């Protein structure tokens, strides 16, 4: 899967949306980031990889899921108003 570079500049509307998402994500992910920091603080050079690596990835995936939720929470719903 190819990775895309982040945009260098955002329009004013995009910057407002990025700020909204950032504020929401900071609150939502704080406990996960504390878990990540605690896990890293208690990890030695000998145990940083292996099972610990997968634990760290799980925490980061939780943060990514919360980022997606934060991005979606402020958007308009696209559901139809008439029955199918």
PDB file of N, CA and C in Angstrom:
ATOM      1  N   UNK A   1       0.855  -1.169   0.000  1.00  0.00           N
ATOM      2  CA  UNK A   1       0.000   0.000   0.000  1.00  0.00           C
ATOM      3  C   UNK A   1       0.900   1.231   0.000  1.00  0.00           C
ATOM      4  N   UNK A   2       0.674   2.118  -0.941  1.00  0.00           N
ATOM      5  CA  UNK A   2       1.459   3.344  -1.032  1.00  0.00           C
ATOM      6  C   UNK A   2       1.022   4.326   0.040  1.00  0.00           C
ATOM      7  N   UNK A   3       1.972   5.027   0.569  1.00  0.00           N
ATOM      8  CA  UNK A   3       1.665   6.041   1.582  1.00  0.00           C
ATOM      9  C   UNK A   3       1.708   7.410   0.941  1.00  0.00           C
ATOM     10  N   UNK A   4       0.790   8.248   1.370  1.00  0.00           N
ATOM     11  CA  UNK A   4       0.658   9.578   0.816  1.00  0.00           C
ATOM     12  C   UNK A   4       1.250  10.592   1.767  1.00  0.00           C
ATOM     13  N   UNK A   5       1.956  11.566   1.235  1.00  0.00           N
ATOM     14  CA  UNK A   5       2.518  12.621   2.065  1.00  0.00           C
ATOM     15  C   UNK A   5       1.398  13.520   2.581  1.00  0.00           C
ATOM     16  N   UNK A   6       1.594  14.075   3.759  1.00  0.00           N
ATOM     17  CA  UNK A   6       0.618  15.014   4.308  1.00  0.00           C
ATOM     18  C   UNK A   6       0.614  16.290   3.484  1.00  0.00           C
ATOM     19  N   UNK A   7      -0.537  16.949   3.365  1.00  0.00           N
ATOM     20  CA  UNK A   7      -0.567  18.206   2.615  1.00  0.00           C
ATOM     21  C   UNK A   7       0.295  19.255   3.310  1.00  0.00           C
ATOM     22  N   UNK A   8       0.991  20.033   2.497  1.00  0.00           N
ATOM     23  CA  UNK A   8       1.870  21.053   3.059  1.00  0.00           C
ATOM     24  C   UNK A   8       1.092  22.233   3.623  1.00  0.00           C
ATOM     25  N   UNK A   9       0.009  22.600   2.963  1.00  0.00           N
ATOM     26  CA  UNK A   9      -0.816  23.706   3.446  1.00  0.00           C
ATOM     27  C   UNK A   9      -2.275  23.269   3.428  1.00  0.00           C
ATOM     28  N   UNK A  10      -3.015  23.797   4.363  1.00  0.00           N
ATOM     29  CA  UNK A  10      -4.446  23.502   4.441  1.00  0.00           C
ATOM     30  C   UNK A  10      -5.217  24.774   4.152  1.00  0.00           C
ATOM     31  N   UNK A  11      -6.380  24.608   3.554  1.00  0.00           N
ATOM     32  CA  UNK A  11      -7.259  25.758   3.374  1.00  0.00           C
ATOM     33  C   UNK A  11      -7.754  26.166   4.767  1.00  0.00           C
ATOM     34  N   UNK A  12      -8.300  27.368   4.917  1.00  0.00           N
ATOM     35  CA  UNK A  12      -8.819  27.765   6.228  1.00  0.00           C
ATOM     36  C   UNK A  12      -9.873  26.799   6.766  1.00  0.00           C
ATOM     37  N   UNK A  13     -10.731  26.282   5.892  1.00  0.00           N
ATOM     38  CA  UNK A  13     -11.745  25.322   6.327  1.00  0.00           C
ATOM     39  C   UNK A  13     -11.103  24.010   6.777  1.00  0.00           C
ATOM     40  N   UNK A  14     -10.103  23.566   6.028  1.00  0.00           N
ATOM     41  CA  UNK A  14      -9.407  22.338   6.410  1.00  0.00           C
ATOM     42  C   UNK A  14      -8.657  22.521   7.729  1.00  0.00           C
ATOM     43  N   UNK A  15      -8.074  23.691   7.933  1.00  0.00           N
ATOM     44  CA  UNK A  15      -7.367  23.950   9.182  1.00  0.00           C
ATOM     45  C   UNK A  15      -8.330  23.950  10.360  1.00  0.00           C
ATOM     46  N   UNK A  16      -9.506  24.534  10.180  1.00  0.00           N
ATOM     47  CA  UNK A  16     -10.528  24.506  11.233  1.00  0.00           C
ATOM     48  C   UNK A  16     -10.923  23.066  11.566  1.00  0.00           C
ATOM     49  N   UNK A  17     -11.109  22.258  10.521  1.00  0.00           N
ATOM     50  CA  UNK A  17     -11.480  20.860  10.730  1.00  0.00           C
ATOM     51  C   UNK A  17     -10.345  20.097  11.414  1.00  0.00           C
ATOM     52  N   UNK A  18      -9.108  20.351  10.994  1.00  0.00           N
ATOM     53  CA  UNK A  18      -7.954  19.695  11.626  1.00  0.00           C
ATOM     54  C   UNK A  18      -7.857  20.081  13.102  1.00  0.00           C
ATOM     55  N   UNK A  19      -8.106  21.347  13.416  1.00  0.00           N
ATOM     56  CA  UNK A  19      -8.080  21.793  14.811  1.00  0.00           C
ATOM     57  C   UNK A  19      -9.171  21.121  15.632  1.00  0.00           C
ATOM     58  N   UNK A  20     -10.370  20.983  15.050  1.00  0.00           N
ATOM     59  CA  UNK A  20     -11.475  20.328  15.751  1.00  0.00           C
ATOM     60  C   UNK A  20     -11.139  18.870  16.044  1.00  0.00           C
ATOM     61  N   UNK A  21     -10.629  18.189  15.026  1.00  0.00           N
ATOM     62  CA  UNK A  21     -10.256  16.782  15.193  1.00  0.00           C
ATOM     63  C   UNK A  21      -9.154  16.647  16.233  1.00  0.00           C
ATOM     64  N   UNK A  22      -8.163  17.525  16.174  1.00  0.00           N
ATOM     65  CA  UNK A  22      -7.046  17.463  17.115  1.00  0.00           C
ATOM     66  C   UNK A  22      -7.528  17.627  18.554  1.00  0.00           C
ATOM     67  N   UNK A  23      -8.392  18.594  18.797  1.00  0.00           N
ATOM     68  CA  UNK A  23      -8.902  18.813  20.155  1.00  0.00           C
ATOM     69  C   UNK A  23      -9.700  17.605  20.644  1.00  0.00           C
ATOM     70  N   UNK A  24     -10.535  17.060  19.783  1.00  0.00           N
ATOM     71  CA  UNK A  24     -11.329  15.892  20.143  1.00  0.00           C
ATOM     72  C   UNK A  24     -10.436  14.681  20.392  1.00  0.00           C
ATOM     73  N   UNK A  25      -9.449  14.505  19.546  1.00  0.00           N
ATOM     74  CA  UNK A  25      -8.550  13.360  19.661  1.00  0.00           C
ATOM     75  C   UNK A  25      -7.683  13.442  20.910  1.00  0.00           C
ATOM     76  N   UNK A  26      -7.250  14.640  21.263  1.00  0.00           N
ATOM     77  CA  UNK A  26      -6.439  14.796  22.478  1.00  0.00           C
ATOM     78  C   UNK A  26      -7.177  14.251  23.691  1.00  0.00           C
ATOM     79  N   UNK A  27      -8.452  14.590  23.790  1.00  0.00           N
ATOM     80  CA  UNK A  27      -9.248  14.109  24.921  1.00  0.00           C
ATOM     81  C   UNK A  27      -9.497  12.606  24.840  1.00  0.00           C
ATOM     82  N   UNK A  28      -9.830  12.131  23.645  1.00  0.00           N
ATOM     83  CA  UNK A  28     -10.197  10.723  23.477  1.00  0.00           C
ATOM     84  C   UNK A  28      -9.015   9.777  23.655  1.00  0.00           C
ATOM     85  N   UNK A  29      -7.828  10.222  23.278  1.00  0.00           N
ATOM     86  CA  UNK A  29      -6.675   9.315  23.259  1.00  0.00           C
ATOM     87  C   UNK A  29      -5.730   9.490  24.444  1.00  0.00           C
ATOM     88  N   UNK A  30      -6.057  10.379  25.360  1.00  0.00           N
ATOM     89  CA  UNK A  30      -5.122  10.647  26.453  1.00  0.00           C
ATOM     90  C   UNK A  30      -4.781   9.391  27.253  1.00  0.00           C
ATOM     91  N   UNK A  31      -5.763   8.603  27.613  1.00  0.00           N
ATOM     92  CA  UNK A  31      -5.482   7.401  28.410  1.00  0.00           C
ATOM     93  C   UNK A  31      -4.661   6.387  27.614  1.00  0.00           C
ATOM     94  N   UNK A  32      -4.920   6.275  26.312  1.00  0.00           N
ATOM     95  CA  UNK A  32      -4.138   5.366  25.476  1.00  0.00           C
ATOM     96  C   UNK A  32      -2.681   5.829  25.384  1.00  0.00           C
ATOM     97  N   UNK A  33      -2.478   7.132  25.256  1.00  0.00           N
ATOM     98  CA  UNK A  33      -1.117   7.650  25.181  1.00  0.00           C
ATOM     99  C   UNK A  33      -0.384   7.463  26.508  1.00  0.00           C
ATOM    100  N   UNK A  34      -1.120   7.569  27.618  1.00  0.00           N
ATOM    101  CA  UNK A  34      -0.503   7.291  28.921  1.00  0.00           C
ATOM    102  C   UNK A  34      -0.127   5.808  29.020  1.00  0.00           C
ATOM    103  N   UNK A  35      -1.007   4.927  28.530  1.00  0.00           N
ATOM    104  CA  UNK A  35      -0.692   3.495  28.505  1.00  0.00           C
ATOM    105  C   UNK A  35       0.566   3.238  27.677  1.00  0.00           C
ATOM    106  N   UNK A  36       0.646   3.896  26.527  1.00  0.00           N
ATOM    107  CA  UNK A  36       1.801   3.740  25.655  1.00  0.00           C
ATOM    108  C   UNK A  36       3.078   4.205  26.355  1.00  0.00           C
ATOM    109  N   UNK A  37       3.014   5.370  26.985  1.00  0.00           N
ATOM    110  CA  UNK A  37       4.183   5.902  27.694  1.00  0.00           C
ATOM    111  C   UNK A  37       4.589   5.002  28.850  1.00  0.00           C
ATOM    112  N   UNK A  38       3.620   4.504  29.599  1.00  0.00           N
ATOM    113  CA  UNK A  38       3.920   3.610  30.721  1.00  0.00           C
ATOM    114  C   UNK A  38       4.558   2.321  30.237  1.00  0.00           C
ATOM    115  N   UNK A  39       4.021   1.781  29.161  1.00  0.00           N
ATOM    116  CA  UNK A  39       4.585   0.545  28.624  1.00  0.00           C
ATOM    117  C   UNK A  39       6.018   0.763  28.165  1.00  0.00           C
ATOM    118  N   UNK A  40       6.267   1.875  27.487  1.00  0.00           N
ATOM    119  CA  UNK A  40       7.621   2.159  27.022  1.00  0.00           C
ATOM    120  C   UNK A  40       8.574   2.417  28.190  1.00  0.00           C
ATOM    121  N   UNK A  41       8.083   3.054  29.235  1.00  0.00           N
ATOM    122  CA  UNK A  41       8.926   3.348  30.400  1.00  0.00           C
ATOM    123  C   UNK A  41       9.350   2.078  31.131  1.00  0.00           C
ATOM    124  N   UNK A  42       8.530   1.038  31.044  1.00  0.00           N
ATOM    125  CA  UNK A  42       8.849  -0.204  31.755  1.00  0.00           C
ATOM    126  C   UNK A  42       9.483  -1.255  30.847  1.00  0.00           C
ATOM    127  N   UNK A  43       9.798  -0.871  29.625  1.00  0.00           N
ATOM    128  CA  UNK A  43      10.379  -1.794  28.655  1.00  0.00           C
ATOM    129  C   UNK A  43      11.893  -1.630  28.627  1.00  0.00           C
ATOM    130  N   UNK A  44      12.594  -2.741  28.645  1.00  0.00           N
ATOM    131  CA  UNK A  44      14.053  -2.714  28.548  1.00  0.00           C
ATOM    132  C   UNK A  44      14.470  -2.903  27.096  1.00  0.00           C
ATOM    133  N   UNK A  45      15.752  -2.687  26.834  1.00  0.00           N
ATOM    134  CA  UNK A  45      16.256  -2.916  25.480  1.00  0.00           C
ATOM    135  C   UNK A  45      16.047  -4.360  25.042  1.00  0.00           C
ATOM    136  N   UNK A  46      16.094  -5.263  26.003  1.00  0.00           N
ATOM    137  CA  UNK A  46      15.947  -6.679  25.682  1.00  0.00           C
ATOM    138  C   UNK A  46      14.497  -7.066  25.377  1.00  0.00           C
ATOM    139  N   UNK A  47      13.535  -6.313  25.911  1.00  0.00           N
ATOM    140  CA  UNK A  47      12.129  -6.704  25.751  1.00  0.00           C
ATOM    141  C   UNK A  47      11.322  -5.741  24.886  1.00  0.00           C
ATOM    142  N   UNK A  48      11.996  -4.783  24.254  1.00  0.00           N
ATOM    143  CA  UNK A  48      11.239  -3.781  23.488  1.00  0.00           C
ATOM    144  C   UNK A  48      10.558  -4.393  22.261  1.00  0.00           C
ATOM    145  N   UNK A  49      11.163  -5.438  21.685  1.00  0.00           N
ATOM    146  CA  UNK A  49      10.543  -6.112  20.542  1.00  0.00           C
ATOM    147  C   UNK A  49       9.901  -7.409  21.000  1.00  0.00           C
ATOM    148  N   UNK A  50       9.327  -8.142  20.073  1.00  0.00           N
ATOM    149  CA  UNK A  50       8.645  -9.375  20.429  1.00  0.00           C
ATOM    150  C   UNK A  50       7.234  -9.075  20.908  1.00  0.00           C
ATOM    151  N   UNK A  51       6.765  -9.773  21.960  1.00  0.00           N
ATOM    152  CA  UNK A  51       5.394  -9.572  22.438  1.00  0.00           C
ATOM    153  C   UNK A  51       5.079  -8.111  22.794  1.00  0.00           C
ATOM    154  N   UNK A  52       6.051  -7.398  23.331  1.00  0.00           N
ATOM    155  CA  UNK A  52       5.836  -5.993  23.690  1.00  0.00           C
ATOM    156  C   UNK A  52       5.508  -5.143  22.461  1.00  0.00           C
ATOM    157  N   UNK A  53       6.168  -5.441  21.361  1.00  0.00           N
ATOM    158  CA  UNK A  53       5.939  -4.700  20.126  1.00  0.00           C
ATOM    159  C   UNK A  53       4.474  -4.792  19.692  1.00  0.00           C
ATOM    160  N   UNK A  54       3.887  -5.962  19.856  1.00  0.00           N
ATOM    161  CA  UNK A  54       2.489  -6.148  19.473  1.00  0.00           C
ATOM    162  C   UNK A  54       1.551  -5.418  20.432  1.00  0.00           C
ATOM    163  N   UNK A  55       1.906  -5.366  21.697  1.00  0.00           N
ATOM    164  CA  UNK A  55       1.124  -4.598  22.667  1.00  0.00           C
ATOM    165  C   UNK A  55       1.141  -3.113  22.309  1.00  0.00           C
ATOM    166  N   UNK A  56       2.313  -2.598  21.953  1.00  0.00           N
ATOM    167  CA  UNK A  56       2.427  -1.190  21.551  1.00  0.00           C
ATOM    168  C   UNK A  56       1.602  -0.920  20.293  1.00  0.00           C
ATOM    169  N   UNK A  57       1.647  -1.825  19.344  1.00  0.00           N
ATOM    170  CA  UNK A  57       0.854  -1.653  18.115  1.00  0.00           C
ATOM    171  C   UNK A  57      -0.642  -1.643  18.426  1.00  0.00           C
ATOM    172  N   UNK A  58      -1.076  -2.487  19.342  1.00  0.00           N
ATOM    173  CA  UNK A  58      -2.490  -2.508  19.718  1.00  0.00           C
ATOM    174  C   UNK A  58      -2.921  -1.158  20.283  1.00  0.00           C
ATOM    175  N   UNK A  59      -2.076  -0.571  21.116  1.00  0.00           N
ATOM    176  CA  UNK A  59      -2.400   0.734  21.700  1.00  0.00           C
ATOM    177  C   UNK A  59      -2.479   1.785  20.597  1.00  0.00           C
ATOM    178  N   UNK A  60      -1.519   1.786  19.683  1.00  0.00           N
ATOM    179  CA  UNK A  60      -1.508   2.767  18.593  1.00  0.00           C
ATOM    180  C   UNK A  60      -2.718   2.573  17.677  1.00  0.00           C
ATOM    181  N   UNK A  61      -3.128   1.339  17.469  1.00  0.00           N
ATOM    182  CA  UNK A  61      -4.330   1.087  16.652  1.00  0.00           C
ATOM    183  C   UNK A  61      -5.579   1.643  17.334  1.00  0.00           C
ATOM    184  N   UNK A  62      -5.634   1.556  18.661  1.00  0.00           N
ATOM    185  CA  UNK A  62      -6.764   2.159  19.386  1.00  0.00           C
ATOM    186  C   UNK A  62      -6.785   3.665  19.170  1.00  0.00           C
ATOM    187  N   UNK A  63      -5.607   4.287  19.196  1.00  0.00           N
ATOM    188  CA  UNK A  63      -5.529   5.738  18.957  1.00  0.00           C
ATOM    189  C   UNK A  63      -5.998   6.057  17.539  1.00  0.00           C
ATOM    190  N   UNK A  64      -5.572   5.256  16.560  1.00  0.00           N
ATOM    191  CA  UNK A  64      -5.987   5.491  15.174  1.00  0.00           C
ATOM    192  C   UNK A  64      -7.496   5.339  15.014  1.00  0.00           C
ATOM    193  N   UNK A  65      -8.081   4.364  15.696  1.00  0.00           N
ATOM    194  CA  UNK A  65      -9.537   4.188  15.632  1.00  0.00           C
ATOM    195  C   UNK A  65     -10.242   5.406  16.220  1.00  0.00           C
ATOM    196  N   UNK A  66      -9.718   5.928  17.306  1.00  0.00           N
ATOM    197  CA  UNK A  66     -10.310   7.126  17.911  1.00  0.00           C
ATOM    198  C   UNK A  66     -10.131   8.334  17.008  1.00  0.00           C
ATOM    199  N   UNK A  67      -9.040   8.383  16.255  1.00  0.00           N
ATOM    200  CA  UNK A  67      -8.843   9.478  15.296  1.00  0.00           C
ATOM    201  C   UNK A  67      -9.912   9.434  14.211  1.00  0.00           C
ATOM    202  N   UNK A  68     -10.208   8.235  13.715  1.00  0.00           N
ATOM    203  CA  UNK A  68     -11.264   8.107  12.707  1.00  0.00           C
ATOM    204  C   UNK A  68     -12.617   8.506  13.278  1.00  0.00           C
ATOM    205  N   UNK A  69     -12.902   8.089  14.505  1.00  0.00           N
ATOM    206  CA  UNK A  69     -14.162   8.470  15.157  1.00  0.00           C
ATOM    207  C   UNK A  69     -14.243   9.979  15.331  1.00  0.00           C
ATOM    208  N   UNK A  70     -13.131  10.602  15.738  1.00  0.00           N
ATOM    209  CA  UNK A  70     -13.109  12.056  15.924  1.00  0.00           C
ATOM    210  C   UNK A  70     -13.347  12.780  14.602  1.00  0.00           C
ATOM    211  N   UNK A  71     -12.774  12.265  13.529  1.00  0.00           N
ATOM    212  CA  UNK A  71     -12.954  12.895  12.219  1.00  0.00           C
ATOM    213  C   UNK A  71     -14.401  12.798  11.754  1.00  0.00           C
ATOM    214  N   UNK A  72     -15.033  11.663  12.038  1.00  0.00           N
ATOM    215  CA  UNK A  72     -16.404  11.455  11.573  1.00  0.00           C
ATOM    216  C   UNK A  72     -17.449  12.151  12.426  1.00  0.00           C
ATOM    217  N   UNK A  73     -17.165  12.381  13.695  1.00  0.00           N
ATOM    218  CA  UNK A  73     -18.200  12.884  14.595  1.00  0.00           C
ATOM    219  C   UNK A  73     -18.721  14.268  14.233  1.00  0.00           C
ATOM    220  N   UNK A  74     -17.926  15.082  13.566  1.00  0.00           N
ATOM    221  CA  UNK A  74     -18.380  16.423  13.228  1.00  0.00           C
ATOM    222  C   UNK A  74     -18.925  16.562  11.830  1.00  0.00           C
ATOM    223  N   UNK A  75     -18.914  15.493  11.077  1.00  0.00           N
ATOM    224  CA  UNK A  75     -19.376  15.571   9.688  1.00  0.00           C
ATOM    225  C   UNK A  75     -20.875  15.339   9.595  1.00  0.00           C
ATOM    226  N   UNK A  76     -21.437  15.854   8.518  1.00  0.00           N
ATOM    227  CA  UNK A  76     -22.860  15.647   8.283  1.00  0.00           C
ATOM    228  C   UNK A  76     -23.115  14.178   7.981  1.00  0.00           C
ATOM    229  N   UNK A  77     -24.243  13.716   8.431  1.00  0.00           N
ATOM    230  CA  UNK A  77     -24.645  12.338   8.141  1.00  0.00           C
ATOM    231  C   UNK A  77     -25.183  12.289   6.717  1.00  0.00           C
ATOM    232  N   UNK A  78     -24.862  11.231   6.000  1.00  0.00           N
ATOM    233  CA  UNK A  78     -25.272  11.114   4.602  1.00  0.00           C
ATOM    234  C   UNK A  78     -26.494  10.230   4.406  1.00  0.00           C
ATOM    235  N   UNK A  79     -27.191   9.905   5.458  1.00  0.00           N
ATOM    236  CA  UNK A  79     -28.335   9.007   5.333  1.00  0.00           C
ATOM    237  C   UNK A  79     -29.475   9.690   4.600  1.00  0.00           C
ATOM    238  N   UNK A  80     -30.262   8.894   3.942  1.00  0.00           N
ATOM    239  CA  UNK A  80     -31.427   9.429   3.249  1.00  0.00           C
ATOM    240  C   UNK A  80     -32.561   9.617   4.260  1.00  0.00           C
ATOM    241  N   UNK A  81     -33.497  10.471   3.924  1.00  0.00           N
ATOM    242  CA  UNK A  81     -34.607  10.750   4.823  1.00  0.00           C
ATOM    243  C   UNK A  81     -35.889  10.038   4.384  1.00  0.00           C
ATOM    244  N   UNK A  82     -35.826   9.374   3.230  1.00  0.00           N
ATOM    245  CA  UNK A  82     -37.013   8.652   2.744  1.00  0.00           C
ATOM    246  C   UNK A  82     -36.761   7.160   2.824  1.00  0.00           C
ATOM    247  N   UNK A  83     -37.808   6.378   3.002  1.00  0.00           N
ATOM    248  CA  UNK A  83     -37.598   4.928   3.065  1.00  0.00           C
ATOM    249  C   UNK A  83     -37.086   4.380   1.737  1.00  0.00           C
ATOM    250  N   UNK A  84     -36.360   3.275   1.801  1.00  0.00           N
ATOM    251  CA  UNK A  84     -35.825   2.655   0.581  1.00  0.00           C
ATOM    252  C   UNK A  84     -36.933   2.043  -0.231  1.00  0.00           C
TER     253      UNK A  84
END
